Amino acid sequence: MGAIIYRNVPALIALKKGTFQPSSPTCFIWATISFIEAIIILSSHGGWAATSTVVTTIFCFSLA
């Protein structure tokens, strides 16, 4: 869960403050890379290790 906080909370804070304005294509690229990471982790039976990557994928797709 620490990885989820480390990866996503700073971006959410910056979005709220307006200091971070990602473009849609950039978010799509981030989401795609995170999705590929999650598939690799899950295919090697990573289990809970994929949680932060899956959450990051959802977060990035929601911005795209």
N, C-alpha and C. Protein backbone atom coordinates (compact mmCIF):
# COMPACT_ATOMS: atom_id res chain seq x y z
N MET A 1 0.83 -1.19 0.00
CA MET A 1 0.00 0.00 0.00
C MET A 1 0.87 1.26 0.00
N GLY A 2 2.05 1.14 0.56
CA GLY A 2 2.97 2.27 0.55
C GLY A 2 3.35 2.68 -0.86
N ALA A 3 3.47 1.68 -1.74
CA ALA A 3 3.81 1.98 -3.14
C ALA A 3 2.68 2.74 -3.82
N ILE A 4 1.44 2.42 -3.48
CA ILE A 4 0.30 3.14 -4.07
C ILE A 4 0.35 4.60 -3.66
N ILE A 5 0.60 4.83 -2.40
CA ILE A 5 0.68 6.21 -1.90
C ILE A 5 1.86 6.93 -2.56
N TYR A 6 3.00 6.26 -2.61
CA TYR A 6 4.20 6.86 -3.18
C TYR A 6 4.01 7.21 -4.66
N ARG A 7 3.29 6.36 -5.39
CA ARG A 7 3.14 6.56 -6.83
C ARG A 7 2.03 7.53 -7.19
N ASN A 8 0.96 7.60 -6.41
CA ASN A 8 -0.23 8.32 -6.86
C ASN A 8 -0.58 9.58 -6.08
N VAL A 9 -0.35 9.60 -4.79
CA VAL A 9 -0.77 10.73 -3.98
C VAL A 9 -0.10 12.05 -4.39
N PRO A 10 1.22 12.08 -4.64
CA PRO A 10 1.81 13.35 -5.08
C PRO A 10 1.18 13.90 -6.37
N ALA A 11 0.85 13.01 -7.28
CA ALA A 11 0.19 13.45 -8.52
C ALA A 11 -1.21 14.00 -8.24
N LEU A 12 -1.94 13.35 -7.35
CA LEU A 12 -3.28 13.83 -7.01
C LEU A 12 -3.22 15.20 -6.34
N ILE A 13 -2.25 15.40 -5.46
CA ILE A 13 -2.09 16.70 -4.79
C ILE A 13 -1.75 17.77 -5.82
N ALA A 14 -0.82 17.46 -6.73
CA ALA A 14 -0.43 18.42 -7.77
C ALA A 14 -1.60 18.73 -8.70
N LEU A 15 -2.41 17.72 -9.01
CA LEU A 15 -3.60 17.96 -9.85
C LEU A 15 -4.57 18.90 -9.15
N LYS A 16 -4.77 18.69 -7.85
CA LYS A 16 -5.69 19.53 -7.10
C LYS A 16 -5.20 20.97 -7.02
N LYS A 17 -3.88 21.15 -6.86
CA LYS A 17 -3.31 22.49 -6.79
C LYS A 17 -3.23 23.15 -8.17
N GLY A 18 -3.34 22.36 -9.21
CA GLY A 18 -3.25 22.90 -10.56
C GLY A 18 -1.82 23.04 -11.09
N THR A 19 -0.86 22.45 -10.38
CA THR A 19 0.53 22.53 -10.82
C THR A 19 0.91 21.40 -11.75
N PHE A 20 0.03 20.46 -11.95
CA PHE A 20 0.29 19.30 -12.80
C PHE A 20 -0.88 19.16 -13.78
N GLN A 21 -0.62 19.37 -15.04
CA GLN A 21 -1.66 19.27 -16.07
C GLN A 21 -1.20 18.32 -17.16
N PRO A 22 -1.37 17.01 -16.95
CA PRO A 22 -0.91 16.05 -17.96
C PRO A 22 -1.81 16.08 -19.19
N SER A 23 -1.21 15.82 -20.32
CA SER A 23 -2.00 15.74 -21.54
C SER A 23 -2.59 14.33 -21.64
N SER A 24 -3.65 14.20 -22.39
CA SER A 24 -4.33 12.92 -22.54
C SER A 24 -3.41 11.85 -23.14
N PRO A 25 -2.63 12.16 -24.19
CA PRO A 25 -1.74 11.13 -24.74
C PRO A 25 -0.69 10.66 -23.73
N THR A 26 -0.19 11.58 -22.92
CA THR A 26 0.80 11.21 -21.91
C THR A 26 0.19 10.25 -20.89
N CYS A 27 -1.01 10.54 -20.43
CA CYS A 27 -1.68 9.66 -19.48
C CYS A 27 -1.96 8.30 -20.09
N PHE A 28 -2.31 8.27 -21.36
CA PHE A 28 -2.56 7.00 -22.04
C PHE A 28 -1.28 6.17 -22.10
N ILE A 29 -0.16 6.80 -22.38
CA ILE A 29 1.12 6.10 -22.42
C ILE A 29 1.46 5.55 -21.04
N TRP A 30 1.31 6.39 -19.99
CA TRP A 30 1.57 5.93 -18.62
C TRP A 30 0.68 4.75 -18.27
N ALA A 31 -0.59 4.85 -18.63
CA ALA A 31 -1.53 3.77 -18.31
C ALA A 31 -1.16 2.49 -19.03
N THR A 32 -0.78 2.61 -20.29
CA THR A 32 -0.42 1.43 -21.07
C THR A 32 0.82 0.75 -20.49
N ILE A 33 1.82 1.54 -20.13
CA ILE A 33 3.04 0.97 -19.53
C ILE A 33 2.71 0.30 -18.19
N SER A 34 1.89 0.94 -17.37
CA SER A 34 1.50 0.35 -16.08
C SER A 34 0.70 -0.92 -16.28
N PHE A 35 -0.15 -0.94 -17.29
CA PHE A 35 -0.94 -2.13 -17.60
C PHE A 35 -0.04 -3.29 -18.00
N ILE A 36 0.96 -3.03 -18.82
CA ILE A 36 1.90 -4.07 -19.22
C ILE A 36 2.66 -4.59 -18.01
N GLU A 37 3.08 -3.67 -17.13
CA GLU A 37 3.75 -4.08 -15.89
C GLU A 37 2.86 -5.00 -15.06
N ALA A 38 1.59 -4.62 -14.92
CA ALA A 38 0.66 -5.42 -14.12
C ALA A 38 0.48 -6.81 -14.72
N ILE A 39 0.38 -6.89 -16.03
CA ILE A 39 0.24 -8.21 -16.68
C ILE A 39 1.46 -9.07 -16.42
N ILE A 40 2.65 -8.47 -16.52
CA ILE A 40 3.88 -9.23 -16.28
C ILE A 40 3.93 -9.72 -14.83
N ILE A 41 3.59 -8.85 -13.89
CA ILE A 41 3.61 -9.24 -12.47
C ILE A 41 2.59 -10.33 -12.19
N LEU A 42 1.38 -10.17 -12.71
CA LEU A 42 0.33 -11.16 -12.46
C LEU A 42 0.61 -12.49 -13.16
N SER A 43 1.24 -12.44 -14.33
CA SER A 43 1.52 -13.69 -15.04
C SER A 43 2.61 -14.50 -14.34
N SER A 44 3.42 -13.85 -13.54
CA SER A 44 4.43 -14.59 -12.78
C SER A 44 3.98 -14.77 -11.33
N HIS A 45 2.66 -14.75 -11.13
CA HIS A 45 2.02 -15.00 -9.84
C HIS A 45 2.47 -14.02 -8.77
N GLY A 46 2.52 -12.74 -9.14
CA GLY A 46 2.94 -11.70 -8.21
C GLY A 46 1.92 -11.39 -7.14
N GLY A 47 0.66 -11.68 -7.40
CA GLY A 47 -0.39 -11.46 -6.40
C GLY A 47 -0.51 -10.01 -5.97
N TRP A 48 -0.35 -9.79 -4.65
CA TRP A 48 -0.50 -8.45 -4.10
C TRP A 48 0.56 -7.47 -4.61
N ALA A 49 1.65 -7.99 -5.14
CA ALA A 49 2.69 -7.11 -5.66
C ALA A 49 2.19 -6.28 -6.84
N ALA A 50 1.14 -6.73 -7.48
CA ALA A 50 0.60 -6.01 -8.63
C ALA A 50 -0.39 -4.92 -8.23
N THR A 51 -0.75 -4.84 -6.97
CA THR A 51 -1.78 -3.91 -6.54
C THR A 51 -1.45 -2.46 -6.90
N SER A 52 -0.25 -2.02 -6.59
CA SER A 52 0.09 -0.62 -6.87
C SER A 52 0.10 -0.34 -8.36
N THR A 53 0.54 -1.31 -9.14
CA THR A 53 0.57 -1.12 -10.58
C THR A 53 -0.84 -1.08 -11.16
N VAL A 54 -1.72 -1.92 -10.67
CA VAL A 54 -3.11 -1.92 -11.15
C VAL A 54 -3.80 -0.60 -10.78
N VAL A 55 -3.58 -0.13 -9.55
CA VAL A 55 -4.17 1.14 -9.13
C VAL A 55 -3.63 2.30 -9.98
N THR A 56 -2.33 2.27 -10.26
CA THR A 56 -1.74 3.30 -11.11
C THR A 56 -2.33 3.25 -12.51
N THR A 57 -2.55 2.06 -13.04
CA THR A 57 -3.17 1.92 -14.36
C THR A 57 -4.55 2.56 -14.38
N ILE A 58 -5.36 2.25 -13.37
CA ILE A 58 -6.70 2.83 -13.29
C ILE A 58 -6.64 4.35 -13.16
N PHE A 59 -5.73 4.82 -12.33
CA PHE A 59 -5.55 6.26 -12.13
C PHE A 59 -5.19 6.95 -13.45
N CYS A 60 -4.25 6.39 -14.18
CA CYS A 60 -3.82 7.01 -15.44
C CYS A 60 -4.90 6.93 -16.50
N PHE A 61 -5.62 5.80 -16.58
CA PHE A 61 -6.70 5.72 -17.56
C PHE A 61 -7.82 6.71 -17.22
N SER A 62 -8.02 6.99 -15.94
CA SER A 62 -9.06 7.95 -15.57
C SER A 62 -8.67 9.38 -15.98
N LEU A 63 -7.37 9.65 -16.06
CA LEU A 63 -6.92 10.97 -16.50
C LEU A 63 -6.91 11.10 -18.02
N ALA A 64 -6.79 9.98 -18.71
CA ALA A 64 -6.66 10.03 -20.18
C ALA A 64 -7.95 10.35 -20.88
